[in-house]
PDB file of N, CA and C in Angstrom:
ATOM      1  N   MET A   1      83.937  93.876 102.742  1.00  0.00           N
ATOM      2  CA  MET A   1      83.736  93.670 101.333  1.00  0.00           C
ATOM      3  C   MET A   1      84.433  92.379 100.884  1.00  0.00           C
ATOM      4  N   TYR A   2      85.715  92.235 101.217  1.00  0.00           N
ATOM      5  CA  TYR A   2      86.466  91.031 100.843  1.00  0.00           C
ATOM      6  C   TYR A   2      85.843  89.797 101.480  1.00  0.00           C
ATOM      7  N   ALA A   3      85.435  89.921 102.735  1.00  0.00           N
ATOM      8  CA  ALA A   3      84.869  88.782 103.468  1.00  0.00           C
ATOM      9  C   ALA A   3      83.616  88.228 102.797  1.00  0.00           C
ATOM     10  N   GLY A   4      82.895  89.060 102.060  1.00  0.00           N
ATOM     11  CA  GLY A   4      81.672  88.634 101.406  1.00  0.00           C
ATOM     12  C   GLY A   4      81.873  87.947 100.067  1.00  0.00           C
ATOM     13  N   LEU A   5      83.119  87.861  99.602  1.00  0.00           N
ATOM     14  CA  LEU A   5      83.394  87.234  98.305  1.00  0.00           C
ATOM     15  C   LEU A   5      83.394  85.720  98.425  1.00  0.00           C
ATOM     16  N   ASP A   6      83.014  85.049  97.328  1.00  0.00           N
ATOM     17  CA  ASP A   6      83.084  83.585  97.328  1.00  0.00           C
ATOM     18  C   ASP A   6      84.544  83.149  97.199  1.00  0.00           C
ATOM     19  N   ALA A   7      84.822  81.898  97.462  1.00  0.00           N
ATOM     20  CA  ALA A   7      86.199  81.382  97.507  1.00  0.00           C
ATOM     21  C   ALA A   7      86.940  81.575  96.189  1.00  0.00           C
ATOM     22  N   ASP A   8      86.285  81.335  95.055  1.00  0.00           N
ATOM     23  CA  ASP A   8      86.950  81.494  93.756  1.00  0.00           C
ATOM     24  C   ASP A   8      87.312  82.950  93.487  1.00  0.00           C
ATOM     25  N   THR A   9      86.417  83.867  93.840  1.00  0.00           N
ATOM     26  CA  THR A   9      86.690  85.291  93.641  1.00  0.00           C
ATOM     27  C   THR A   9      87.820  85.747  94.556  1.00  0.00           C
ATOM     28  N   LYS A  10      87.845  85.251  95.794  1.00  0.00           N
ATOM     29  CA  LYS A  10      88.942  85.595  96.702  1.00  0.00           C
ATOM     30  C   LYS A  10      90.284  85.151  96.125  1.00  0.00           C
ATOM     31  N   LYS A  11      90.315  83.980  95.486  1.00  0.00           N
ATOM     32  CA  LYS A  11      91.555  83.507  94.859  1.00  0.00           C
ATOM     33  C   LYS A  11      92.000  84.462  93.763  1.00  0.00           C
ATOM     34  N   LEU A  12      91.055  84.951  92.952  1.00  0.00           N
ATOM     35  CA  LEU A  12      91.386  85.905  91.889  1.00  0.00           C
ATOM     36  C   LEU A  12      91.906  87.213  92.469  1.00  0.00           C
ATOM     37  N   VAL A  13      91.250  87.702  93.513  1.00  0.00           N
ATOM     38  CA  VAL A  13      91.671  88.946  94.159  1.00  0.00           C
ATOM     39  C   VAL A  13      93.064  88.778  94.760  1.00  0.00           C
ATOM     40  N   ASP A  14      93.296  87.672  95.437  1.00  0.00           N
ATOM     41  CA  ASP A  14      94.605  87.416  96.043  1.00  0.00           C
ATOM     42  C   ASP A  14      95.697  87.331  94.983  1.00  0.00           C
ATOM     43  N   ALA A  15      95.405  86.676  93.864  1.00  0.00           N
ATOM     44  CA  ALA A  15      96.386  86.556  92.781  1.00  0.00           C
ATOM     45  C   ALA A  15      96.685  87.922  92.172  1.00  0.00           C
ATOM     46  N   ALA A  16      95.654  88.744  91.989  1.00  0.00           N
ATOM     47  CA  ALA A  16      95.859  90.087  91.441  1.00  0.00           C
ATOM     48  C   ALA A  16      96.695  90.934  92.392  1.00  0.00           C
ATOM     49  N   ALA A  17      96.416  90.840  93.686  1.00  0.00           N
ATOM     50  CA  ALA A  17      97.190  91.605  94.670  1.00  0.00           C
ATOM     51  C   ALA A  17      98.650  91.178  94.659  1.00  0.00           C
ATOM     52  N   LYS A  18      98.894  89.880  94.552  1.00  0.00           N
ATOM     53  CA  LYS A  18     100.269  89.383  94.510  1.00  0.00           C
ATOM     54  C   LYS A  18     100.982  89.877  93.255  1.00  0.00           C
ATOM     55  N   THR A  19     100.286  89.888  92.130  1.00  0.00           N
ATOM     56  CA  THR A  19     100.870  90.376  90.881  1.00  0.00           C
ATOM     57  C   THR A  19     101.205  91.852  90.990  1.00  0.00           C
ATOM     58  N   ILE A  20     100.296  92.633  91.570  1.00  0.00           N
ATOM     59  CA  ILE A  20     100.525  94.070  91.708  1.00  0.00           C
ATOM     60  C   ILE A  20     101.658  94.347  92.685  1.00  0.00           C
ATOM     61  N   TYR A  21     101.717  93.615  93.775  1.00  0.00           N
ATOM     62  CA  TYR A  21     102.760  93.830  94.776  1.00  0.00           C
ATOM     63  C   TYR A  21     104.111  93.342  94.289  1.00  0.00           C
ATOM     64  N   GLY A  22     104.121  92.369  93.412  1.00  0.00           N
ATOM     65  CA  GLY A  22     105.376  91.843  92.895  1.00  0.00           C
ATOM     66  C   GLY A  22     106.118  91.050  93.949  1.00  0.00           C
ATOM     67  N   GLU A  23     107.420  91.077  93.869  1.00  0.00           N
ATOM     68  CA  GLU A  23     108.255  90.325  94.801  1.00  0.00           C
ATOM     69  C   GLU A  23     108.487  91.081  96.106  1.00  0.00           C
ATOM     70  N   GLY A  24     108.013  92.302  96.174  1.00  0.00           N
ATOM     71  CA  GLY A  24     108.185  93.082  97.396  1.00  0.00           C
ATOM     72  C   GLY A  24     109.588  93.653  97.499  1.00  0.00           C
ATOM     73  N   GLY A  25     109.918  94.143  98.661  1.00  0.00           N
ATOM     74  CA  GLY A  25     111.245  94.680  98.900  1.00  0.00           C
ATOM     75  C   GLY A  25     111.480  96.048  98.280  1.00  0.00           C
ATOM     76  N   PHE A  26     110.421  96.750  97.907  1.00  0.00           N
ATOM     77  CA  PHE A  26     110.590  98.066  97.291  1.00  0.00           C
ATOM     78  C   PHE A  26     110.887  99.091  98.373  1.00  0.00           C
ATOM     79  N   ASP A  27     111.859  99.962  98.109  1.00  0.00           N
ATOM     80  CA  ASP A  27     112.229 100.959  99.104  1.00  0.00           C
ATOM     81  C   ASP A  27     111.559 102.306  98.867  1.00  0.00           C
ATOM     82  N   SER A  28     110.691 102.382  97.860  1.00  0.00           N
ATOM     83  CA  SER A  28     109.930 103.605  97.606  1.00  0.00           C
ATOM     84  C   SER A  28     108.723 103.280  96.738  1.00  0.00           C
ATOM     85  N   VAL A  29     107.759 104.184  96.768  1.00  0.00           N
ATOM     86  CA  VAL A  29     106.590 104.024  95.908  1.00  0.00           C
ATOM     87  C   VAL A  29     107.021 104.085  94.446  1.00  0.00           C
ATOM     88  N   GLY A  30     107.952 104.975  94.127  1.00  0.00           N
ATOM     89  CA  GLY A  30     108.425 105.096  92.746  1.00  0.00           C
ATOM     90  C   GLY A  30     109.047 103.814  92.228  1.00  0.00           C
ATOM     91  N   ALA A  31     109.857 103.159  93.043  1.00  0.00           N
ATOM     92  CA  ALA A  31     110.484 101.895  92.626  1.00  0.00           C
ATOM     93  C   ALA A  31     109.422 100.828  92.386  1.00  0.00           C
ATOM     94  N   TRP A  32     108.415 100.784  93.268  1.00  0.00           N
ATOM     95  CA  TRP A  32     107.312  99.838  93.076  1.00  0.00           C
ATOM     96  C   TRP A  32     106.557 100.157  91.796  1.00  0.00           C
ATOM     97  N   TRP A  33     106.197 101.432  91.596  1.00  0.00           N
ATOM     98  CA  TRP A  33     105.406 101.834  90.432  1.00  0.00           C
ATOM     99  C   TRP A  33     106.124 101.488  89.131  1.00  0.00           C
ATOM    100  N   GLU A  34     107.412 101.712  89.095  1.00  0.00           N
ATOM    101  CA  GLU A  34     108.182 101.436  87.879  1.00  0.00           C
ATOM    102  C   GLU A  34     108.317  99.944  87.599  1.00  0.00           C
ATOM    103  N   SER A  35     107.962  99.092  88.551  1.00  0.00           N
ATOM    104  CA  SER A  35     108.006  97.644  88.318  1.00  0.00           C
ATOM    105  C   SER A  35     106.743  97.148  87.607  1.00  0.00           C
ATOM    106  N   LEU A  36     105.725  98.011  87.500  1.00  0.00           N
ATOM    107  CA  LEU A  36     104.446  97.632  86.901  1.00  0.00           C
ATOM    108  C   LEU A  36     104.393  98.003  85.425  1.00  0.00           C
ATOM    109  N   ASP A  37     103.636  97.218  84.645  1.00  0.00           N
ATOM    110  CA  ASP A  37     103.370  97.614  83.265  1.00  0.00           C
ATOM    111  C   ASP A  37     102.096  98.466  83.258  1.00  0.00           C
ATOM    112  N   CYS A  38     101.729  98.984  82.095  1.00  0.00           N
ATOM    113  CA  CYS A  38     100.583  99.895  81.985  1.00  0.00           C
ATOM    114  C   CYS A  38      99.308  99.276  82.546  1.00  0.00           C
ATOM    115  N   ARG A  39      99.040  98.023  82.234  1.00  0.00           N
ATOM    116  CA  ARG A  39      97.822  97.377  82.725  1.00  0.00           C
ATOM    117  C   ARG A  39      97.815  97.316  84.248  1.00  0.00           C
ATOM    118  N   LEU A  40      98.927  96.887  84.835  1.00  0.00           N
ATOM    119  CA  LEU A  40      98.992  96.780  86.297  1.00  0.00           C
ATOM    120  C   LEU A  40      98.979  98.149  86.969  1.00  0.00           C
ATOM    121  N   MET A  41      99.518  99.164  86.304  1.00  0.00           N
ATOM    122  CA  MET A  41      99.433 100.523  86.840  1.00  0.00           C
ATOM    123  C   MET A  41      97.971 100.922  86.993  1.00  0.00           C
ATOM    124  N   ARG A  42      97.178 100.640  85.972  1.00  0.00           N
ATOM    125  CA  ARG A  42      95.749 100.986  86.022  1.00  0.00           C
ATOM    126  C   ARG A  42      95.016 100.161  87.072  1.00  0.00           C
ATOM    127  N   VAL A  43      95.317  98.876  87.160  1.00  0.00           N
ATOM    128  CA  VAL A  43      94.675  98.023  88.165  1.00  0.00           C
ATOM    129  C   VAL A  43      95.013  98.539  89.566  1.00  0.00           C
ATOM    130  N   ALA A  44      96.274  98.815  89.811  1.00  0.00           N
ATOM    131  CA  ALA A  44      96.706  99.285  91.131  1.00  0.00           C
ATOM    132  C   ALA A  44      96.029 100.599  91.511  1.00  0.00           C
ATOM    133  N   ALA A  45      95.819 101.469  90.523  1.00  0.00           N
ATOM    134  CA  ALA A  45      95.201 102.771  90.784  1.00  0.00           C
ATOM    135  C   ALA A  45      93.680 102.700  90.823  1.00  0.00           C
ATOM    136  N   GLY A  46      93.111 101.537  90.495  1.00  0.00           N
ATOM    137  CA  GLY A  46      91.661 101.414  90.447  1.00  0.00           C
ATOM    138  C   GLY A  46      91.062 102.108  89.241  1.00  0.00           C
ATOM    139  N   ASP A  47      91.852 102.212  88.172  1.00  0.00           N
ATOM    140  CA  ASP A  47      91.456 102.963  86.980  1.00  0.00           C
ATOM    141  C   ASP A  47      90.949 102.064  85.853  1.00  0.00           C
ATOM    142  N   GLY A  48      91.038 100.772  86.005  1.00  0.00           N
ATOM    143  CA  GLY A  48      90.599  99.856  84.956  1.00  0.00           C
ATOM    144  C   GLY A  48      91.425  98.588  84.994  1.00  0.00           C
ATOM    145  N   ILE A  49      91.104  97.661  84.094  1.00  0.00           N
ATOM    146  CA  ILE A  49      91.828  96.384  84.087  1.00  0.00           C
ATOM    147  C   ILE A  49      92.546  96.112  82.770  1.00  0.00           C
ATOM    148  N   MET A  50      92.457  97.041  81.830  1.00  0.00           N
ATOM    149  CA  MET A  50      93.117  96.874  80.534  1.00  0.00           C
ATOM    150  C   MET A  50      94.171  97.965  80.367  1.00  0.00           C
ATOM    151  N   ALA A  51      95.209  97.656  79.621  1.00  0.00           N
ATOM    152  CA  ALA A  51      96.215  98.671  79.307  1.00  0.00           C
ATOM    153  C   ALA A  51      95.560  99.756  78.456  1.00  0.00           C
ATOM    154  N   ASP A  52      95.822 100.999  78.780  1.00  0.00           N
ATOM    155  CA  ASP A  52      95.297 102.133  78.017  1.00  0.00           C
ATOM    156  C   ASP A  52      96.306 103.267  78.132  1.00  0.00           C
ATOM    157  N   PRO A  53      97.154 103.429  77.113  1.00  0.00           N
ATOM    158  CA  PRO A  53      98.192 104.454  77.172  1.00  0.00           C
ATOM    159  C   PRO A  53      97.670 105.874  77.394  1.00  0.00           C
ATOM    160  N   SER A  54      96.381 106.118  77.121  1.00  0.00           N
ATOM    161  CA  SER A  54      95.840 107.461  77.333  1.00  0.00           C
ATOM    162  C   SER A  54      95.471 107.713  78.798  1.00  0.00           C
ATOM    163  N   SER A  55      95.481 106.675  79.626  1.00  0.00           N
ATOM    164  CA  SER A  55      95.163 106.831  81.044  1.00  0.00           C
ATOM    165  C   SER A  55      96.244 107.662  81.737  1.00  0.00           C
ATOM    166  N   PRO A  56      95.841 108.551  82.642  1.00  0.00           N
ATOM    167  CA  PRO A  56      96.843 109.319  83.383  1.00  0.00           C
ATOM    168  C   PRO A  56      97.694 108.441  84.303  1.00  0.00           C
ATOM    169  N   PHE A  57      97.243 107.200  84.545  1.00  0.00           N
ATOM    170  CA  PHE A  57      97.998 106.292  85.400  1.00  0.00           C
ATOM    171  C   PHE A  57      98.977 105.421  84.622  1.00  0.00           C
ATOM    172  N   CYS A  58      98.871 105.397  83.298  1.00  0.00           N
ATOM    173  CA  CYS A  58      99.855 104.685  82.467  1.00  0.00           C
ATOM    174  C   CYS A  58     100.979 105.664  82.164  1.00  0.00           C
ATOM    175  N   ALA A  59     101.691 106.000  83.196  1.00  0.00           N
ATOM    176  CA  ALA A  59     102.754 106.994  83.099  1.00  0.00           C
ATOM    177  C   ALA A  59     103.835 106.644  84.112  1.00  0.00           C
ATOM    178  N   HIS A  60     105.017 107.155  83.856  1.00  0.00           N
ATOM    179  CA  HIS A  60     106.157 106.857  84.719  1.00  0.00           C
ATOM    180  C   HIS A  60     106.208 107.801  85.912  1.00  0.00           C
ATOM    181  N   TYR A  61     106.784 107.287  86.970  1.00  0.00           N
ATOM    182  CA  TYR A  61     106.939 108.043  88.209  1.00  0.00           C
ATOM    183  C   TYR A  61     107.978 109.140  87.990  1.00  0.00           C
ATOM    184  N   PRO A  62     107.722 110.353  88.510  1.00  0.00           N
ATOM    185  CA  PRO A  62     108.708 111.423  88.369  1.00  0.00           C
ATOM    186  C   PRO A  62     110.081 110.992  88.888  1.00  0.00           C
ATOM    187  N   GLY A  63     111.101 111.292  88.122  1.00  0.00           N
ATOM    188  CA  GLY A  63     112.461 110.911  88.482  1.00  0.00           C
ATOM    189  C   GLY A  63     112.939 109.684  87.744  1.00  0.00           C
ATOM    190  N   SER A  64     112.029 109.008  87.035  1.00  0.00           N
ATOM    191  CA  SER A  64     112.414 107.785  86.321  1.00  0.00           C
ATOM    192  C   SER A  64     113.250 108.090  85.087  1.00  0.00           C
ATOM    193  N   GLY A  65     113.108 109.297  84.550  1.00  0.00           N
ATOM    194  CA  GLY A  65     113.838 109.656  83.342  1.00  0.00           C
ATOM    195  C   GLY A  65     113.207 109.095  82.078  1.00  0.00           C
ATOM    196  N   LYS A  66     112.021 108.514  82.202  1.00  0.00           N
ATOM    197  CA  LYS A  66     111.334 107.927  81.051  1.00  0.00           C
ATOM    198  C   LYS A  66     110.223 108.858  80.579  1.00  0.00           C
ATOM    199  N   ALA A  67     109.868 108.717  79.299  1.00  0.00           N
ATOM    200  CA  ALA A  67     108.835 109.571  78.707  1.00  0.00           C
ATOM    201  C   ALA A  67     107.461 109.260  79.290  1.00  0.00           C
ATOM    202  N   LYS A  68     106.620 110.247  79.266  1.00  0.00           N
ATOM    203  CA  LYS A  68     105.276 110.309  79.853  1.00  0.00           C
ATOM    204  C   LYS A  68     105.354 110.152  81.368  1.00  0.00           C
ATOM    205  N   ILE A  69     105.702 111.268  81.971  1.00  0.00           N
ATOM    206  CA  ILE A  69     105.794 111.344  83.430  1.00  0.00           C
ATOM    207  C   ILE A  69     104.404 111.629  84.001  1.00  0.00           C
ATOM    208  N   MET A  70     104.079 110.962  85.073  1.00  0.00           N
ATOM    209  CA  MET A  70     102.799 111.131  85.743  1.00  0.00           C
ATOM    210  C   MET A  70     102.638 112.571  86.236  1.00  0.00           C
ATOM    211  N   GLU A  71     101.434 113.103  86.075  1.00  0.00           N
ATOM    212  CA  GLU A  71     101.138 114.448  86.554  1.00  0.00           C
ATOM    213  C   GLU A  71     100.881 114.429  88.063  1.00  0.00           C
ATOM    214  N   ASP A  72     100.755 115.609  88.658  1.00  0.00           N
ATOM    215  CA  ASP A  72     100.657 115.735  90.118  1.00  0.00           C
ATOM    216  C   ASP A  72      99.453 115.022  90.739  1.00  0.00           C
ATOM    217  N   THR A  73      98.260 115.195  90.168  1.00  0.00           N
ATOM    218  CA  THR A  73      97.063 114.597  90.775  1.00  0.00           C
ATOM    219  C   THR A  73      97.119 113.073  90.756  1.00  0.00           C
ATOM    220  N   PRO A  74      97.414 112.430  89.609  1.00  0.00           N
ATOM    221  CA  PRO A  74      97.557 110.970  89.640  1.00  0.00           C
ATOM    222  C   PRO A  74      98.685 110.518  90.571  1.00  0.00           C
ATOM    223  N   LYS A  75      99.775 111.292  90.633  1.00  0.00           N
ATOM    224  CA  LYS A  75     100.899 110.921  91.501  1.00  0.00           C
ATOM    225  C   LYS A  75     100.469 110.909  92.968  1.00  0.00           C
ATOM    226  N   MET A  76      99.650 111.870  93.366  1.00  0.00           N
ATOM    227  CA  MET A  76      99.179 111.896  94.758  1.00  0.00           C
ATOM    228  C   MET A  76      98.374 110.631  95.064  1.00  0.00           C
ATOM    229  N   HIS A  77      97.552 110.197  94.115  1.00  0.00           N
ATOM    230  CA  HIS A  77      96.762 108.976  94.304  1.00  0.00           C
ATOM    231  C   HIS A  77      97.676 107.755  94.358  1.00  0.00           C
ATOM    232  N   VAL A  78      98.639 107.682  93.442  1.00  0.00           N
ATOM    233  CA  VAL A  78      99.581 106.555  93.405  1.00  0.00           C
ATOM    234  C   VAL A  78     100.385 106.501  94.698  1.00  0.00           C
ATOM    235  N   ASP A  79     100.813 107.652  95.193  1.00  0.00           N
ATOM    236  CA  ASP A  79     101.553 107.678  96.461  1.00  0.00           C
ATOM    237  C   ASP A  79     100.700 107.117  97.599  1.00  0.00           C
ATOM    238  N   LYS A  80      99.429 107.496  97.637  1.00  0.00           N
ATOM    239  CA  LYS A  80      98.523 107.013  98.688  1.00  0.00           C
ATOM    240  C   LYS A  80      98.352 105.495  98.599  1.00  0.00           C
ATOM    241  N   VAL A  81      98.095 104.992  97.392  1.00  0.00           N
ATOM    242  CA  VAL A  81      97.925 103.547  97.187  1.00  0.00           C
ATOM    243  C   VAL A  81      99.224 102.815  97.505  1.00  0.00           C
ATOM    244  N   GLY A  82     100.333 103.325  96.979  1.00  0.00           N
ATOM    245  CA  GLY A  82     101.628 102.682  97.188  1.00  0.00           C
ATOM    246  C   GLY A  82     102.032 102.637  98.650  1.00  0.00           C
ATOM    247  N   GLN A  83     101.804 103.730  99.365  1.00  0.00           N
ATOM    248  CA  GLN A  83     102.137 103.753 100.786  1.00  0.00           C
ATOM    249  C   GLN A  83     101.312 102.717 101.549  1.00  0.00           C
ATOM    250  N   ALA A  84     100.036 102.600 101.216  1.00  0.00           N
ATOM    251  CA  ALA A  84      99.189 101.605 101.886  1.00  0.00           C
ATOM    252  C   ALA A  84      99.660 100.192 101.561  1.00  0.00           C
ATOM    253  N   LEU A  85      99.939  99.933 100.309  1.00  0.00           N
ATOM    254  CA  LEU A  85     100.355  98.599  99.884  1.00  0.00           C
ATOM    255  C   LEU A  85     101.711  98.215 100.462  1.00  0.00           C
ATOM    256  N   LEU A  86     102.622  99.170 100.484  1.00  0.00           N
ATOM    257  CA  LEU A  86     103.980  98.892 100.956  1.00  0.00           C
ATOM    258  C   LEU A  86     104.130  99.069 102.466  1.00  0.00           C
ATOM    259  N   GLY A  87     103.080  99.549 103.126  1.00  0.00           N
ATOM    260  CA  GLY A  87     103.151  99.757 104.570  1.00  0.00           C
ATOM    261  C   GLY A  87     104.104 100.876 104.947  1.00  0.00           C
ATOM    262  N   ARG A  88     104.087 101.941 104.151  1.00  0.00           N
ATOM    263  CA  ARG A  88     104.989 103.075 104.380  1.00  0.00           C
ATOM    264  C   ARG A  88     104.211 104.271 104.900  1.00  0.00           C
ATOM    265  N   SER A  89     104.899 105.153 105.619  1.00  0.00           N
ATOM    266  CA  SER A  89     104.276 106.393 106.073  1.00  0.00           C
ATOM    267  C   SER A  89     104.593 107.552 105.130  1.00  0.00           C
ATOM    268  N   ASP A  90     105.470 107.303 104.155  1.00  0.00           N
ATOM    269  CA  ASP A  90     105.801 108.302 103.140  1.00  0.00           C
ATOM    270  C   ASP A  90     106.097 107.568 101.833  1.00  0.00           C
ATOM    271  N   ALA A  91     106.296 108.340 100.761  1.00  0.00           N
ATOM    272  CA  ALA A  91     106.533 107.725  99.446  1.00  0.00           C
ATOM    273  C   ALA A  91     107.966 107.228  99.274  1.00  0.00           C
ATOM    274  N   GLY A  92     108.861 107.670 100.140  1.00  0.00           N
ATOM    275  CA  GLY A  92     110.261 107.267 100.006  1.00  0.00           C
ATOM    276  C   GLY A  92     110.981 108.086  98.950  1.00  0.00           C
ATOM    277  N   MET A  93     112.270 107.888  98.828  1.00  0.00           N
ATOM    278  CA  MET A  93     113.100 108.635  97.892  1.00  0.00           C
ATOM    279  C   MET A  93     113.214 107.863  96.588  1.00  0.00           C
ATOM    280  N   TYR A  94     112.826 108.507  95.476  1.00  0.00           N
ATOM    281  CA  TYR A  94     112.958 107.888  94.160  1.00  0.00           C
ATOM    282  C   TYR A  94     113.366 108.945  93.162  1.00  0.00           C
ATOM    283  N   PRO A  95     114.373 108.717  92.329  1.00  0.00           N
ATOM    284  CA  PRO A  95     115.303 107.593  92.453  1.00  0.00           C
ATOM    285  C   PRO A  95     116.256 107.817  93.607  1.00  0.00           C
ATOM    286  N   LYS A  96     116.961 106.755  93.965  1.00  0.00           N
ATOM    287  CA  LYS A  96     117.914 106.831  95.083  1.00  0.00           C
ATOM    288  C   LYS A  96     119.084 107.685  94.715  1.00  0.00           C
TER     289      LYS A  96
END
């Protein structure tokens, strides 16, 4: 799929991936997730490209201590995406 994109679109995709991944060095999916704003949370989850507070993905990772904690089903999806992005075999411990 990526290979079939034109050069300009690949640049946009690469820039979006870099923005979502951030500076790296995250020791858990929760730490990575909490580094994102609502819009990037939705982009990372494949839920849309605009901030939407009503989205189940515009929510904080369990253990963050912040209001609107992500429910179980979205969390399972976020863990799967985060593990793939971070190259982890598990979600890691959050918070430490």
